[in-house]
Amino acid sequence: MAGLALHQRCWNHESREAVCRCPRCGRCFCRECVTEHHARLLCAACLKAAAQSAQVEHAAWRRMLPAGMLLAGLFLSWAFFYGAGEALLEINARLEQASWQSP
């Protein structure tokens, strides 16, 4: 009984011997049916699911990007015009002070 080894077969190809088990779904696959993804061997179905979940995470950031850019633009324009207004007030104050001091 010790010399008897159980050979698992590929989930997709019954005639091929399985070389690994997918860590997500637990099925066994041959070398052609698995792909390395983040240092793990995944089957095609699990790789597709992992890619879709990654796209969903990126989609959330992409939806927030225009609102963030709008807020950043409003803040920068406010800072620019606030600084320009303060500069004009300072110039006006210096001109008035110079006009009072000259005879």
PDB file of N, CA and C in Angstrom:
ATOM      1  N   MET A   1       0.810  -1.182   0.000  1.00  0.00           N
ATOM      2  CA  MET A   1       0.000   0.000   0.000  1.00  0.00           C
ATOM      3  C   MET A   1       0.862   1.257   0.000  1.00  0.00           C
ATOM      4  N   ALA A   2       2.102   1.202   0.551  1.00  0.00           N
ATOM      5  CA  ALA A   2       2.963   2.370   0.611  1.00  0.00           C
ATOM      6  C   ALA A   2       3.454   2.774  -0.774  1.00  0.00           C
ATOM      7  N   GLY A   3       3.616   1.819  -1.692  1.00  0.00           N
ATOM      8  CA  GLY A   3       4.104   2.127  -3.029  1.00  0.00           C
ATOM      9  C   GLY A   3       3.012   2.649  -3.947  1.00  0.00           C
ATOM     10  N   LEU A   4       1.773   2.567  -3.544  1.00  0.00           N
ATOM     11  CA  LEU A   4       0.651   3.007  -4.362  1.00  0.00           C
ATOM     12  C   LEU A   4       0.444   4.511  -4.191  1.00  0.00           C
ATOM     13  N   ALA A   5       0.605   5.246  -5.269  1.00  0.00           N
ATOM     14  CA  ALA A   5       0.429   6.697  -5.209  1.00  0.00           C
ATOM     15  C   ALA A   5      -0.852   7.072  -5.934  1.00  0.00           C
ATOM     16  N   LEU A   6      -1.586   7.968  -5.358  1.00  0.00           N
ATOM     17  CA  LEU A   6      -2.804   8.462  -5.988  1.00  0.00           C
ATOM     18  C   LEU A   6      -2.440   9.625  -6.899  1.00  0.00           C
ATOM     19  N   HIS A   7      -2.763   9.491  -8.161  1.00  0.00           N
ATOM     20  CA  HIS A   7      -2.472  10.549  -9.120  1.00  0.00           C
ATOM     21  C   HIS A   7      -3.757  11.323  -9.382  1.00  0.00           C
ATOM     22  N   GLN A   8      -3.711  12.593  -9.162  1.00  0.00           N
ATOM     23  CA  GLN A   8      -4.887  13.409  -9.428  1.00  0.00           C
ATOM     24  C   GLN A   8      -4.844  13.870 -10.869  1.00  0.00           C
ATOM     25  N   ARG A   9      -5.985  14.073 -11.435  1.00  0.00           N
ATOM     26  CA  ARG A   9      -6.123  14.479 -12.828  1.00  0.00           C
ATOM     27  C   ARG A   9      -6.553  15.940 -12.896  1.00  0.00           C
ATOM     28  N   CYS A  10      -6.220  16.554 -14.017  1.00  0.00           N
ATOM     29  CA  CYS A  10      -6.567  17.963 -14.257  1.00  0.00           C
ATOM     30  C   CYS A  10      -8.081  18.107 -14.324  1.00  0.00           C
ATOM     31  N   TRP A  11      -8.577  19.184 -13.784  1.00  0.00           N
ATOM     32  CA  TRP A  11     -10.011  19.464 -13.789  1.00  0.00           C
ATOM     33  C   TRP A  11     -10.528  19.647 -15.211  1.00  0.00           C
ATOM     34  N   ASN A  12      -9.729  20.276 -16.074  1.00  0.00           N
ATOM     35  CA  ASN A  12     -10.135  20.547 -17.452  1.00  0.00           C
ATOM     36  C   ASN A  12      -9.765  19.428 -18.416  1.00  0.00           C
ATOM     37  N   HIS A  13      -8.672  18.727 -18.147  1.00  0.00           N
ATOM     38  CA  HIS A  13      -8.162  17.692 -19.048  1.00  0.00           C
ATOM     39  C   HIS A  13      -8.051  16.376 -18.272  1.00  0.00           C
ATOM     40  N   GLU A  14      -8.987  15.473 -18.478  1.00  0.00           N
ATOM     41  CA  GLU A  14      -9.035  14.215 -17.727  1.00  0.00           C
ATOM     42  C   GLU A  14      -7.824  13.330 -17.985  1.00  0.00           C
ATOM     43  N   SER A  15      -7.215  13.460 -19.162  1.00  0.00           N
ATOM     44  CA  SER A  15      -6.098  12.583 -19.507  1.00  0.00           C
ATOM     45  C   SER A  15      -4.759  13.069 -18.952  1.00  0.00           C
ATOM     46  N   ARG A  16      -4.698  14.274 -18.412  1.00  0.00           N
ATOM     47  CA  ARG A  16      -3.434  14.831 -17.914  1.00  0.00           C
ATOM     48  C   ARG A  16      -3.359  14.763 -16.402  1.00  0.00           C
ATOM     49  N   GLU A  17      -2.142  14.605 -15.932  1.00  0.00           N
ATOM     50  CA  GLU A  17      -1.911  14.573 -14.488  1.00  0.00           C
ATOM     51  C   GLU A  17      -1.857  16.001 -13.951  1.00  0.00           C
ATOM     52  N   ALA A  18      -2.440  16.190 -12.809  1.00  0.00           N
ATOM     53  CA  ALA A  18      -2.454  17.522 -12.189  1.00  0.00           C
ATOM     54  C   ALA A  18      -1.109  17.789 -11.525  1.00  0.00           C
ATOM     55  N   VAL A  19      -0.656  19.051 -11.626  1.00  0.00           N
ATOM     56  CA  VAL A  19       0.617  19.419 -11.007  1.00  0.00           C
ATOM     57  C   VAL A  19       0.430  20.333  -9.806  1.00  0.00           C
ATOM     58  N   CYS A  20      -0.718  20.964  -9.692  1.00  0.00           N
ATOM     59  CA  CYS A  20      -0.940  21.850  -8.547  1.00  0.00           C
ATOM     60  C   CYS A  20      -2.433  21.972  -8.261  1.00  0.00           C
ATOM     61  N   ARG A  21      -2.686  22.525  -7.112  1.00  0.00           N
ATOM     62  CA  ARG A  21      -4.061  22.773  -6.680  1.00  0.00           C
ATOM     63  C   ARG A  21      -4.234  24.285  -6.565  1.00  0.00           C
ATOM     64  N   CYS A  22      -5.293  24.796  -7.138  1.00  0.00           N
ATOM     65  CA  CYS A  22      -5.572  26.232  -7.070  1.00  0.00           C
ATOM     66  C   CYS A  22      -5.909  26.592  -5.614  1.00  0.00           C
ATOM     67  N   PRO A  23      -5.238  27.591  -5.037  1.00  0.00           N
ATOM     68  CA  PRO A  23      -5.505  27.929  -3.640  1.00  0.00           C
ATOM     69  C   PRO A  23      -6.865  28.583  -3.409  1.00  0.00           C
ATOM     70  N   ARG A  24      -7.472  29.131  -4.437  1.00  0.00           N
ATOM     71  CA  ARG A  24      -8.771  29.788  -4.258  1.00  0.00           C
ATOM     72  C   ARG A  24      -9.939  28.810  -4.353  1.00  0.00           C
ATOM     73  N   CYS A  25      -9.942  27.965  -5.383  1.00  0.00           N
ATOM     74  CA  CYS A  25     -11.086  27.062  -5.567  1.00  0.00           C
ATOM     75  C   CYS A  25     -10.805  25.641  -5.087  1.00  0.00           C
ATOM     76  N   GLY A  26      -9.535  25.276  -4.931  1.00  0.00           N
ATOM     77  CA  GLY A  26      -9.182  23.958  -4.425  1.00  0.00           C
ATOM     78  C   GLY A  26      -9.181  22.862  -5.477  1.00  0.00           C
ATOM     79  N   ARG A  27      -9.386  23.178  -6.736  1.00  0.00           N
ATOM     80  CA  ARG A  27      -9.363  22.174  -7.801  1.00  0.00           C
ATOM     81  C   ARG A  27      -7.932  21.928  -8.262  1.00  0.00           C
ATOM     82  N   CYS A  28      -7.690  20.756  -8.824  1.00  0.00           N
ATOM     83  CA  CYS A  28      -6.359  20.394  -9.325  1.00  0.00           C
ATOM     84  C   CYS A  28      -6.297  20.657 -10.830  1.00  0.00           C
ATOM     85  N   PHE A  29      -5.128  21.145 -11.291  1.00  0.00           N
ATOM     86  CA  PHE A  29      -4.970  21.499 -12.695  1.00  0.00           C
ATOM     87  C   PHE A  29      -3.598  21.072 -13.209  1.00  0.00           C
ATOM     88  N   CYS A  30      -3.498  20.911 -14.540  1.00  0.00           N
ATOM     89  CA  CYS A  30      -2.218  20.608 -15.181  1.00  0.00           C
ATOM     90  C   CYS A  30      -1.451  21.919 -15.393  1.00  0.00           C
ATOM     91  N   ARG A  31      -0.261  21.813 -15.945  1.00  0.00           N
ATOM     92  CA  ARG A  31       0.600  23.001 -16.120  1.00  0.00           C
ATOM     93  C   ARG A  31       0.000  24.021 -17.074  1.00  0.00           C
ATOM     94  N   GLU A  32      -0.746  23.584 -18.042  1.00  0.00           N
ATOM     95  CA  GLU A  32      -1.309  24.506 -19.027  1.00  0.00           C
ATOM     96  C   GLU A  32      -2.515  25.278 -18.507  1.00  0.00           C
ATOM     97  N   CYS A  33      -3.105  24.807 -17.435  1.00  0.00           N
ATOM     98  CA  CYS A  33      -4.346  25.414 -16.947  1.00  0.00           C
ATOM     99  C   CYS A  33      -4.134  26.399 -15.798  1.00  0.00           C
ATOM    100  N   VAL A  34      -2.900  26.606 -15.368  1.00  0.00           N
ATOM    101  CA  VAL A  34      -2.648  27.517 -14.255  1.00  0.00           C
ATOM    102  C   VAL A  34      -1.733  28.647 -14.708  1.00  0.00           C
ATOM    103  N   THR A  35      -1.841  29.768 -14.021  1.00  0.00           N
ATOM    104  CA  THR A  35      -1.027  30.942 -14.299  1.00  0.00           C
ATOM    105  C   THR A  35      -0.545  31.513 -12.976  1.00  0.00           C
ATOM    106  N   GLU A  36       0.687  32.008 -12.974  1.00  0.00           N
ATOM    107  CA  GLU A  36       1.219  32.600 -11.749  1.00  0.00           C
ATOM    108  C   GLU A  36       0.670  34.015 -11.591  1.00  0.00           C
ATOM    109  N   HIS A  37       0.176  34.287 -10.397  1.00  0.00           N
ATOM    110  CA  HIS A  37      -0.380  35.608 -10.088  1.00  0.00           C
ATOM    111  C   HIS A  37      -0.008  35.941  -8.647  1.00  0.00           C
ATOM    112  N   HIS A  38       0.816  36.956  -8.453  1.00  0.00           N
ATOM    113  CA  HIS A  38       1.285  37.362  -7.119  1.00  0.00           C
ATOM    114  C   HIS A  38       1.873  36.175  -6.360  1.00  0.00           C
ATOM    115  N   ALA A  39       2.810  35.481  -7.008  1.00  0.00           N
ATOM    116  CA  ALA A  39       3.550  34.350  -6.434  1.00  0.00           C
ATOM    117  C   ALA A  39       2.657  33.169  -6.068  1.00  0.00           C
ATOM    118  N   ARG A  40       1.498  33.058  -6.697  1.00  0.00           N
ATOM    119  CA  ARG A  40       0.600  31.915  -6.510  1.00  0.00           C
ATOM    120  C   ARG A  40       0.179  31.409  -7.877  1.00  0.00           C
ATOM    121  N   LEU A  41      -0.081  30.120  -7.970  1.00  0.00           N
ATOM    122  CA  LEU A  41      -0.593  29.540  -9.202  1.00  0.00           C
ATOM    123  C   LEU A  41      -2.113  29.486  -9.110  1.00  0.00           C
ATOM    124  N   LEU A  42      -2.782  30.192 -10.021  1.00  0.00           N
ATOM    125  CA  LEU A  42      -4.249  30.255 -10.031  1.00  0.00           C
ATOM    126  C   LEU A  42      -4.785  29.685 -11.334  1.00  0.00           C
ATOM    127  N   CYS A  43      -5.970  29.109 -11.268  1.00  0.00           N
ATOM    128  CA  CYS A  43      -6.640  28.645 -12.485  1.00  0.00           C
ATOM    129  C   CYS A  43      -7.218  29.862 -13.218  1.00  0.00           C
ATOM    130  N   ALA A  44      -7.669  29.637 -14.442  1.00  0.00           N
ATOM    131  CA  ALA A  44      -8.167  30.744 -15.268  1.00  0.00           C
ATOM    132  C   ALA A  44      -9.388  31.423 -14.651  1.00  0.00           C
ATOM    133  N   ALA A  45     -10.301  30.635 -14.084  1.00  0.00           N
ATOM    134  CA  ALA A  45     -11.528  31.215 -13.493  1.00  0.00           C
ATOM    135  C   ALA A  45     -11.182  32.079 -12.280  1.00  0.00           C
ATOM    136  N   CYS A  46     -10.283  31.595 -11.429  1.00  0.00           N
ATOM    137  CA  CYS A  46      -9.911  32.367 -10.237  1.00  0.00           C
ATOM    138  C   CYS A  46      -9.074  33.589 -10.611  1.00  0.00           C
ATOM    139  N   LEU A  47      -8.255  33.456 -11.656  1.00  0.00           N
ATOM    140  CA  LEU A  47      -7.475  34.601 -12.127  1.00  0.00           C
ATOM    141  C   LEU A  47      -8.398  35.687 -12.666  1.00  0.00           C
ATOM    142  N   LYS A  48      -9.442  35.287 -13.384  1.00  0.00           N
ATOM    143  CA  LYS A  48     -10.416  36.256 -13.908  1.00  0.00           C
ATOM    144  C   LYS A  48     -11.146  36.954 -12.757  1.00  0.00           C
ATOM    145  N   ALA A  49     -11.521  36.184 -11.731  1.00  0.00           N
ATOM    146  CA  ALA A  49     -12.212  36.767 -10.572  1.00  0.00           C
ATOM    147  C   ALA A  49     -11.293  37.728  -9.826  1.00  0.00           C
ATOM    148  N   ALA A  50     -10.021  37.380  -9.712  1.00  0.00           N
ATOM    149  CA  ALA A  50      -9.062  38.263  -9.033  1.00  0.00           C
ATOM    150  C   ALA A  50      -8.858  39.551  -9.825  1.00  0.00           C
ATOM    151  N   ALA A  51      -8.808  39.439 -11.148  1.00  0.00           N
ATOM    152  CA  ALA A  51      -8.639  40.628 -11.990  1.00  0.00           C
ATOM    153  C   ALA A  51      -9.864  41.533 -11.904  1.00  0.00           C
ATOM    154  N   GLN A  52     -11.063  40.952 -11.867  1.00  0.00           N
ATOM    155  CA  GLN A  52     -12.278  41.759 -11.773  1.00  0.00           C
ATOM    156  C   GLN A  52     -12.378  42.462 -10.427  1.00  0.00           C
ATOM    157  N   SER A  53     -11.973  41.794  -9.359  1.00  0.00           N
ATOM    158  CA  SER A  53     -12.018  42.444  -8.043  1.00  0.00           C
ATOM    159  C   SER A  53     -11.012  43.587  -7.975  1.00  0.00           C
ATOM    160  N   ALA A  54      -9.867  43.431  -8.637  1.00  0.00           N
ATOM    161  CA  ALA A  54      -8.885  44.513  -8.675  1.00  0.00           C
ATOM    162  C   ALA A  54      -9.422  45.697  -9.482  1.00  0.00           C
ATOM    163  N   GLN A  55     -10.156  45.416 -10.567  1.00  0.00           N
ATOM    164  CA  GLN A  55     -10.734  46.491 -11.368  1.00  0.00           C
ATOM    165  C   GLN A  55     -11.813  47.230 -10.596  1.00  0.00           C
ATOM    166  N   VAL A  56     -12.573  46.529  -9.783  1.00  0.00           N
ATOM    167  CA  VAL A  56     -13.617  47.168  -8.973  1.00  0.00           C
ATOM    168  C   VAL A  56     -12.976  48.118  -7.972  1.00  0.00           C
ATOM    169  N   GLU A  57     -11.857  47.711  -7.355  1.00  0.00           N
ATOM    170  CA  GLU A  57     -11.171  48.581  -6.404  1.00  0.00           C
ATOM    171  C   GLU A  57     -10.645  49.833  -7.095  1.00  0.00           C
ATOM    172  N   HIS A  58     -10.081  49.675  -8.309  1.00  0.00           N
ATOM    173  CA  HIS A  58      -9.579  50.835  -9.037  1.00  0.00           C
ATOM    174  C   HIS A  58     -10.722  51.723  -9.522  1.00  0.00           C
ATOM    175  N   ALA A  59     -11.860  51.137  -9.820  1.00  0.00           N
ATOM    176  CA  ALA A  59     -13.006  51.911 -10.294  1.00  0.00           C
ATOM    177  C   ALA A  59     -13.512  52.852  -9.212  1.00  0.00           C
ATOM    178  N   ALA A  60     -13.431  52.431  -7.957  1.00  0.00           N
ATOM    179  CA  ALA A  60     -13.877  53.302  -6.866  1.00  0.00           C
ATOM    180  C   ALA A  60     -13.005  54.551  -6.802  1.00  0.00           C
ATOM    181  N   TRP A  61     -11.706  54.392  -6.951  1.00  0.00           N
ATOM    182  CA  TRP A  61     -10.814  55.561  -6.945  1.00  0.00           C
ATOM    183  C   TRP A  61     -11.042  56.434  -8.168  1.00  0.00           C
ATOM    184  N   ARG A  62     -11.314  55.811  -9.299  1.00  0.00           N
ATOM    185  CA  ARG A  62     -11.543  56.591 -10.515  1.00  0.00           C
ATOM    186  C   ARG A  62     -12.811  57.422 -10.420  1.00  0.00           C
ATOM    187  N   ARG A  63     -13.815  56.935  -9.693  1.00  0.00           N
ATOM    188  CA  ARG A  63     -15.040  57.715  -9.524  1.00  0.00           C
ATOM    189  C   ARG A  63     -14.811  58.917  -8.627  1.00  0.00           C
ATOM    190  N   MET A  64     -13.911  58.817  -7.669  1.00  0.00           N
ATOM    191  CA  MET A  64     -13.653  59.913  -6.740  1.00  0.00           C
ATOM    192  C   MET A  64     -12.659  60.919  -7.309  1.00  0.00           C
ATOM    193  N   LEU A  65     -11.909  60.547  -8.339  1.00  0.00           N
ATOM    194  CA  LEU A  65     -10.877  61.417  -8.887  1.00  0.00           C
ATOM    195  C   LEU A  65     -11.410  62.751  -9.417  1.00  0.00           C
ATOM    196  N   PRO A  66     -12.484  62.806 -10.213  1.00  0.00           N
ATOM    197  CA  PRO A  66     -12.965  64.107 -10.689  1.00  0.00           C
ATOM    198  C   PRO A  66     -13.395  65.043  -9.557  1.00  0.00           C
ATOM    199  N   ALA A  67     -14.037  64.504  -8.530  1.00  0.00           N
ATOM    200  CA  ALA A  67     -14.446  65.354  -7.410  1.00  0.00           C
ATOM    201  C   ALA A  67     -13.231  65.895  -6.670  1.00  0.00           C
ATOM    202  N   GLY A  68     -12.219  65.063  -6.497  1.00  0.00           N
ATOM    203  CA  GLY A  68     -10.989  65.517  -5.845  1.00  0.00           C
ATOM    204  C   GLY A  68     -10.262  66.569  -6.663  1.00  0.00           C
ATOM    205  N   MET A  69     -10.243  66.382  -7.970  1.00  0.00           N
ATOM    206  CA  MET A  69      -9.599  67.376  -8.835  1.00  0.00           C
ATOM    207  C   MET A  69     -10.370  68.691  -8.818  1.00  0.00           C
ATOM    208  N   LEU A  70     -11.683  68.622  -8.767  1.00  0.00           N
ATOM    209  CA  LEU A  70     -12.499  69.832  -8.687  1.00  0.00           C
ATOM    210  C   LEU A  70     -12.217  70.586  -7.390  1.00  0.00           C
ATOM    211  N   LEU A  71     -12.184  69.869  -6.288  1.00  0.00           N
ATOM    212  CA  LEU A  71     -11.893  70.517  -5.003  1.00  0.00           C
ATOM    213  C   LEU A  71     -10.491  71.118  -4.982  1.00  0.00           C
ATOM    214  N   ALA A  72      -9.516  70.395  -5.532  1.00  0.00           N
ATOM    215  CA  ALA A  72      -8.153  70.923  -5.585  1.00  0.00           C
ATOM    216  C   ALA A  72      -8.087  72.170  -6.459  1.00  0.00           C
ATOM    217  N   GLY A  73      -8.803  72.163  -7.585  1.00  0.00           N
ATOM    218  CA  GLY A  73      -8.825  73.339  -8.459  1.00  0.00           C
ATOM    219  C   GLY A  73      -9.475  74.533  -7.786  1.00  0.00           C
ATOM    220  N   LEU A  74     -10.574  74.298  -7.082  1.00  0.00           N
ATOM    221  CA  LEU A  74     -11.228  75.394  -6.357  1.00  0.00           C
ATOM    222  C   LEU A  74     -10.327  75.969  -5.278  1.00  0.00           C
ATOM    223  N   PHE A  75      -9.638  75.090  -4.546  1.00  0.00           N
ATOM    224  CA  PHE A  75      -8.740  75.562  -3.500  1.00  0.00           C
ATOM    225  C   PHE A  75      -7.583  76.355  -4.085  1.00  0.00           C
ATOM    226  N   LEU A  76      -6.989  75.872  -5.165  1.00  0.00           N
ATOM    227  CA  LEU A  76      -5.865  76.592  -5.779  1.00  0.00           C
ATOM    228  C   LEU A  76      -6.301  77.937  -6.343  1.00  0.00           C
ATOM    229  N   SER A  77      -7.471  77.982  -6.975  1.00  0.00           N
ATOM    230  CA  SER A  77      -7.935  79.268  -7.505  1.00  0.00           C
ATOM    231  C   SER A  77      -8.267  80.228  -6.372  1.00  0.00           C
ATOM    232  N   TRP A  78      -8.864  79.729  -5.273  1.00  0.00           N
ATOM    233  CA  TRP A  78      -9.130  80.587  -4.126  1.00  0.00           C
ATOM    234  C   TRP A  78      -7.821  81.133  -3.552  1.00  0.00           C
ATOM    235  N   ALA A  79      -6.813  80.280  -3.401  1.00  0.00           N
ATOM    236  CA  ALA A  79      -5.525  80.709  -2.852  1.00  0.00           C
ATOM    237  C   ALA A  79      -4.874  81.760  -3.756  1.00  0.00           C
ATOM    238  N   PHE A  80      -4.966  81.561  -5.071  1.00  0.00           N
ATOM    239  CA  PHE A  80      -4.377  82.520  -6.004  1.00  0.00           C
ATOM    240  C   PHE A  80      -5.079  83.875  -5.896  1.00  0.00           C
ATOM    241  N   PHE A  81      -6.393  83.887  -5.965  1.00  0.00           N
ATOM    242  CA  PHE A  81      -7.115  85.154  -5.917  1.00  0.00           C
ATOM    243  C   PHE A  81      -7.049  85.812  -4.547  1.00  0.00           C
ATOM    244  N   TYR A  82      -6.990  85.012  -3.481  1.00  0.00           N
ATOM    245  CA  TYR A  82      -6.810  85.580  -2.151  1.00  0.00           C
ATOM    246  C   TYR A  82      -5.453  86.270  -2.057  1.00  0.00           C
ATOM    247  N   GLY A  83      -4.413  85.609  -2.542  1.00  0.00           N
ATOM    248  CA  GLY A  83      -3.077  86.212  -2.530  1.00  0.00           C
ATOM    249  C   GLY A  83      -3.007  87.464  -3.388  1.00  0.00           C
ATOM    250  N   ALA A  84      -3.649  87.419  -4.560  1.00  0.00           N
ATOM    251  CA  ALA A  84      -3.662  88.594  -5.443  1.00  0.00           C
ATOM    252  C   ALA A  84      -4.407  89.747  -4.782  1.00  0.00           C
ATOM    253  N   GLY A  85      -5.522  89.466  -4.125  1.00  0.00           N
ATOM    254  CA  GLY A  85      -6.272  90.518  -3.434  1.00  0.00           C
ATOM    255  C   GLY A  85      -5.475  91.122  -2.284  1.00  0.00           C
ATOM    256  N   GLU A  86      -4.802  90.273  -1.503  1.00  0.00           N
ATOM    257  CA  GLU A  86      -3.975  90.782  -0.412  1.00  0.00           C
ATOM    258  C   GLU A  86      -2.829  91.642  -0.942  1.00  0.00           C
ATOM    259  N   ALA A  87      -2.246  91.225  -2.072  1.00  0.00           N
ATOM    260  CA  ALA A  87      -1.169  92.015  -2.668  1.00  0.00           C
ATOM    261  C   ALA A  87      -1.678  93.375  -3.132  1.00  0.00           C
ATOM    262  N   LEU A  88      -2.856  93.413  -3.751  1.00  0.00           N
ATOM    263  CA  LEU A  88      -3.428  94.686  -4.188  1.00  0.00           C
ATOM    264  C   LEU A  88      -3.753  95.595  -3.004  1.00  0.00           C
ATOM    265  N   LEU A  89      -4.273  95.026  -1.922  1.00  0.00           N
ATOM    266  CA  LEU A  89      -4.546  95.827  -0.726  1.00  0.00           C
ATOM    267  C   LEU A  89      -3.254  96.390  -0.131  1.00  0.00           C
ATOM    268  N   GLU A  90      -2.202  95.596  -0.130  1.00  0.00           N
ATOM    269  CA  GLU A  90      -0.918  96.068   0.395  1.00  0.00           C
ATOM    270  C   GLU A  90      -0.345  97.173  -0.490  1.00  0.00           C
ATOM    271  N   ILE A  91      -0.456  97.010  -1.800  1.00  0.00           N
ATOM    272  CA  ILE A  91       0.022  98.059  -2.719  1.00  0.00           C
ATOM    273  C   ILE A  91      -0.772  99.337  -2.510  1.00  0.00           C
ATOM    274  N   ASN A  92      -2.080  99.228  -2.381  1.00  0.00           N
ATOM    275  CA  ASN A  92      -2.934 100.393  -2.164  1.00  0.00           C
ATOM    276  C   ASN A  92      -2.574 101.086  -0.846  1.00  0.00           C
ATOM    277  N   ALA A  93      -2.341 100.314   0.216  1.00  0.00           N
ATOM    278  CA  ALA A  93      -1.993 100.896   1.513  1.00  0.00           C
ATOM    279  C   ALA A  93      -0.661 101.631   1.431  1.00  0.00           C
ATOM    280  N   ARG A  94       0.312 101.081   0.723  1.00  0.00           N
ATOM    281  CA  ARG A  94       1.614 101.744   0.595  1.00  0.00           C
ATOM    282  C   ARG A  94       1.507 103.024  -0.233  1.00  0.00           C
ATOM    283  N   LEU A  95       0.674 102.983  -1.281  1.00  0.00           N
ATOM    284  CA  LEU A  95       0.498 104.189  -2.100  1.00  0.00           C
ATOM    285  C   LEU A  95      -0.181 105.291  -1.296  1.00  0.00           C
ATOM    286  N   GLU A  96      -1.190 104.949  -0.484  1.00  0.00           N
ATOM    287  CA  GLU A  96      -1.852 105.941   0.334  1.00  0.00           C
ATOM    288  C   GLU A  96      -0.899 106.497   1.383  1.00  0.00           C
ATOM    289  N   GLN A  97      -0.077 105.633   1.963  1.00  0.00           N
ATOM    290  CA  GLN A  97       0.884 106.085   2.970  1.00  0.00           C
ATOM    291  C   GLN A  97       1.923 107.009   2.342  1.00  0.00           C
ATOM    292  N   ALA A  98       2.334 106.697   1.120  1.00  0.00           N
ATOM    293  CA  ALA A  98       3.304 107.543   0.436  1.00  0.00           C
ATOM    294  C   ALA A  98       2.679 108.896   0.042  1.00  0.00           C
ATOM    295  N   SER A  99       1.400 108.886  -0.289  1.00  0.00           N
ATOM    296  CA  SER A  99       0.762 110.162  -0.665  1.00  0.00           C
ATOM    297  C   SER A  99       0.564 111.058   0.547  1.00  0.00           C
ATOM    298  N   TRP A 100       0.367 110.530   1.739  1.00  0.00           N
ATOM    299  CA  TRP A 100       0.231 111.340   2.943  1.00  0.00           C
ATOM    300  C   TRP A 100       1.564 111.901   3.398  1.00  0.00           C
ATOM    301  N   GLN A 101       2.649 111.163   3.101  1.00  0.00           N
ATOM    302  CA  GLN A 101       3.962 111.633   3.559  1.00  0.00           C
ATOM    303  C   GLN A 101       4.574 112.650   2.624  1.00  0.00           C
ATOM    304  N   SER A 102       4.241 112.668   1.374  1.00  0.00           N
ATOM    305  CA  SER A 102       4.842 113.636   0.460  1.00  0.00           C
ATOM    306  C   SER A 102       4.173 115.006   0.607  1.00  0.00           C
ATOM    307  N   PRO A 103       4.956 116.095   0.526  1.00  0.00           N
ATOM    308  CA  PRO A 103       4.405 117.445   0.723  1.00  0.00           C
ATOM    309  C   PRO A 103       3.600 117.963  -0.403  1.00  0.00           C
TER     310      PRO A 103
END
